[in-house]
Amino acid sequence: MVETVLLESEQGLDHSAVAAYLRTVVDSPGDRSEITLSAGRGRGHVAPPSQAEFEVNAERASPEGRR
């Protein structure tokens, strides 16, 4: 299967903004109607499939040289 990136964004968000973004997908109509996801200046239109891959990447910045 070929993977096509429809929307990609990296930004700092507080907890409530992350929750609101995820609610956009969770609250989409059960008939899998197309929804619009926005991130920064990007916008993607998708019809959520019945099965989806969910990926989370959490990062923490530290002073240079420390881990």
N, C-alpha and C. Protein backbone atom coordinates (compact mmCIF):
# COMPACT_ATOMS: atom_id res chain seq x y z
N MET A 1 0.84 -1.17 0.00
CA MET A 1 0.00 0.00 0.00
C MET A 1 0.89 1.24 0.00
N VAL A 2 0.57 2.20 -0.82
CA VAL A 2 1.33 3.44 -0.91
C VAL A 2 0.75 4.45 0.07
N GLU A 3 1.62 5.07 0.86
CA GLU A 3 1.19 6.06 1.84
C GLU A 3 1.34 7.45 1.25
N THR A 4 0.27 8.24 1.31
CA THR A 4 0.29 9.61 0.82
C THR A 4 0.03 10.54 1.98
N VAL A 5 0.93 11.48 2.22
CA VAL A 5 0.76 12.45 3.31
C VAL A 5 -0.21 13.52 2.85
N LEU A 6 -1.34 13.65 3.56
CA LEU A 6 -2.35 14.64 3.21
C LEU A 6 -2.16 15.94 3.97
N LEU A 7 -1.61 15.85 5.17
CA LEU A 7 -1.39 17.03 6.00
C LEU A 7 -0.30 16.71 7.00
N GLU A 8 0.68 17.58 7.10
CA GLU A 8 1.76 17.38 8.07
C GLU A 8 2.10 18.73 8.67
N SER A 9 2.20 18.77 9.98
CA SER A 9 2.50 20.02 10.66
C SER A 9 3.21 19.72 11.97
N GLU A 10 4.08 20.61 12.37
CA GLU A 10 4.74 20.51 13.66
C GLU A 10 4.58 21.85 14.35
N GLN A 11 3.95 21.83 15.52
CA GLN A 11 3.72 23.07 16.25
C GLN A 11 3.56 22.78 17.72
N GLY A 12 3.83 23.76 18.54
CA GLY A 12 3.63 23.63 19.98
C GLY A 12 2.18 23.96 20.32
N LEU A 13 1.52 23.06 21.02
CA LEU A 13 0.13 23.27 21.42
C LEU A 13 -0.04 22.96 22.90
N ASP A 14 -0.95 23.67 23.56
CA ASP A 14 -1.24 23.31 24.94
C ASP A 14 -2.25 22.15 24.95
N HIS A 15 -2.48 21.61 26.13
CA HIS A 15 -3.32 20.42 26.28
C HIS A 15 -4.71 20.61 25.68
N SER A 16 -5.34 21.74 25.93
CA SER A 16 -6.70 21.95 25.43
C SER A 16 -6.74 22.05 23.91
N ALA A 17 -5.71 22.61 23.29
CA ALA A 17 -5.67 22.70 21.83
C ALA A 17 -5.49 21.32 21.20
N VAL A 18 -4.68 20.47 21.81
CA VAL A 18 -4.52 19.10 21.32
C VAL A 18 -5.84 18.35 21.43
N ALA A 19 -6.52 18.48 22.57
CA ALA A 19 -7.80 17.81 22.77
C ALA A 19 -8.83 18.27 21.74
N ALA A 20 -8.88 19.56 21.47
CA ALA A 20 -9.83 20.10 20.49
C ALA A 20 -9.53 19.55 19.09
N TYR A 21 -8.26 19.45 18.74
CA TYR A 21 -7.88 18.93 17.43
C TYR A 21 -8.31 17.47 17.29
N LEU A 22 -8.05 16.67 18.32
CA LEU A 22 -8.42 15.25 18.27
C LEU A 22 -9.94 15.08 18.24
N ARG A 23 -10.68 15.98 18.91
CA ARG A 23 -12.15 15.90 18.89
C ARG A 23 -12.69 16.08 17.48
N THR A 24 -11.99 16.82 16.63
CA THR A 24 -12.42 17.00 15.25
C THR A 24 -12.60 15.66 14.56
N VAL A 25 -11.67 14.74 14.80
CA VAL A 25 -11.74 13.41 14.20
C VAL A 25 -12.76 12.55 14.93
N VAL A 26 -12.71 12.55 16.25
CA VAL A 26 -13.58 11.70 17.05
C VAL A 26 -15.05 12.05 16.84
N ASP A 27 -15.36 13.33 16.72
CA ASP A 27 -16.74 13.77 16.59
C ASP A 27 -17.23 13.80 15.14
N SER A 28 -16.44 13.28 14.20
CA SER A 28 -16.87 13.26 12.81
C SER A 28 -18.09 12.35 12.67
N PRO A 29 -18.93 12.61 11.69
CA PRO A 29 -20.14 11.79 11.51
C PRO A 29 -19.81 10.31 11.35
N GLY A 30 -20.67 9.46 11.87
CA GLY A 30 -20.48 8.02 11.79
C GLY A 30 -20.53 7.48 10.37
N ASP A 31 -21.04 8.27 9.44
CA ASP A 31 -21.13 7.79 8.05
C ASP A 31 -19.82 8.01 7.29
N ARG A 32 -18.77 8.38 8.01
CA ARG A 32 -17.43 8.60 7.44
C ARG A 32 -17.43 9.72 6.40
N SER A 33 -18.24 10.74 6.63
CA SER A 33 -18.23 11.91 5.76
C SER A 33 -16.86 12.57 5.80
N GLU A 34 -16.56 13.32 4.77
CA GLU A 34 -15.27 14.01 4.70
C GLU A 34 -15.20 15.09 5.78
N ILE A 35 -14.04 15.17 6.44
CA ILE A 35 -13.79 16.23 7.41
C ILE A 35 -12.58 17.02 6.96
N THR A 36 -12.45 18.23 7.47
CA THR A 36 -11.31 19.09 7.14
C THR A 36 -10.43 19.23 8.36
N LEU A 37 -9.15 18.92 8.21
CA LEU A 37 -8.16 19.09 9.27
C LEU A 37 -7.27 20.25 8.89
N SER A 38 -7.03 21.16 9.83
CA SER A 38 -6.17 22.31 9.58
C SER A 38 -5.00 22.28 10.53
N ALA A 39 -3.85 22.70 10.03
CA ALA A 39 -2.65 22.79 10.85
C ALA A 39 -1.80 23.92 10.29
N GLY A 40 -1.66 24.98 11.06
CA GLY A 40 -0.91 26.13 10.55
C GLY A 40 -1.58 26.66 9.30
N ARG A 41 -0.83 26.76 8.23
CA ARG A 41 -1.39 27.22 6.95
C ARG A 41 -1.91 26.07 6.09
N GLY A 42 -1.68 24.84 6.54
CA GLY A 42 -2.10 23.67 5.77
C GLY A 42 -3.52 23.25 6.08
N ARG A 43 -4.12 22.59 5.11
CA ARG A 43 -5.48 22.09 5.28
C ARG A 43 -5.61 20.81 4.48
N GLY A 44 -6.21 19.80 5.08
CA GLY A 44 -6.40 18.53 4.39
C GLY A 44 -7.82 18.05 4.56
N HIS A 45 -8.37 17.46 3.51
CA HIS A 45 -9.73 16.94 3.53
C HIS A 45 -9.64 15.42 3.47
N VAL A 46 -10.23 14.76 4.45
CA VAL A 46 -10.18 13.30 4.50
C VAL A 46 -11.52 12.73 4.92
N ALA A 47 -11.78 11.52 4.47
CA ALA A 47 -12.93 10.74 4.94
C ALA A 47 -12.34 9.66 5.84
N PRO A 48 -12.51 9.78 7.16
CA PRO A 48 -11.90 8.81 8.06
C PRO A 48 -12.34 7.38 7.74
N PRO A 49 -11.38 6.46 7.57
CA PRO A 49 -11.72 5.07 7.28
C PRO A 49 -12.22 4.36 8.55
N SER A 50 -12.79 3.18 8.39
CA SER A 50 -13.26 2.44 9.55
C SER A 50 -12.08 1.96 10.40
N GLN A 51 -10.93 1.72 9.79
CA GLN A 51 -9.70 1.36 10.50
C GLN A 51 -8.63 2.36 10.08
N ALA A 52 -7.88 2.90 11.06
CA ALA A 52 -6.87 3.89 10.74
C ALA A 52 -5.62 3.66 11.58
N GLU A 53 -4.50 4.14 11.08
CA GLU A 53 -3.25 4.12 11.83
C GLU A 53 -3.15 5.44 12.58
N PHE A 54 -2.86 5.36 13.86
CA PHE A 54 -2.75 6.56 14.70
C PHE A 54 -1.32 6.65 15.19
N GLU A 55 -0.66 7.75 14.91
CA GLU A 55 0.75 7.91 15.27
C GLU A 55 0.92 9.14 16.13
N VAL A 56 1.65 9.00 17.23
CA VAL A 56 1.95 10.12 18.12
C VAL A 56 3.45 10.17 18.31
N ASN A 57 4.00 11.36 18.24
CA ASN A 57 5.43 11.55 18.45
C ASN A 57 5.57 12.67 19.48
N ALA A 58 6.07 12.36 20.66
CA ALA A 58 6.27 13.37 21.71
C ALA A 58 7.76 13.66 21.83
N GLU A 59 8.10 14.93 21.85
CA GLU A 59 9.49 15.34 21.95
C GLU A 59 9.65 16.32 23.10
N ARG A 60 10.86 16.35 23.64
CA ARG A 60 11.18 17.31 24.69
C ARG A 60 12.53 17.93 24.35
N ALA A 61 12.60 19.24 24.36
CA ALA A 61 13.86 19.93 24.09
C ALA A 61 14.66 20.01 25.38
N SER A 62 15.97 19.81 25.26
CA SER A 62 16.85 19.93 26.42
C SER A 62 18.05 20.78 26.03
N PRO A 63 18.71 21.36 27.02
CA PRO A 63 19.90 22.16 26.70
C PRO A 63 20.91 21.32 25.92
N GLU A 64 21.63 21.95 25.03
CA GLU A 64 22.59 21.25 24.18
C GLU A 64 23.57 20.44 25.03
N GLY A 65 23.81 19.21 24.62
CA GLY A 65 24.76 18.36 25.32
C GLY A 65 24.17 17.55 26.45
N ARG A 66 22.93 17.83 26.86
CA ARG A 66 22.28 17.08 27.94
C ARG A 66 21.19 16.20 27.36
N ARG A 67 20.98 15.06 27.96
CA ARG A 67 19.91 14.15 27.53
C ARG A 67 19.10 13.74 28.72
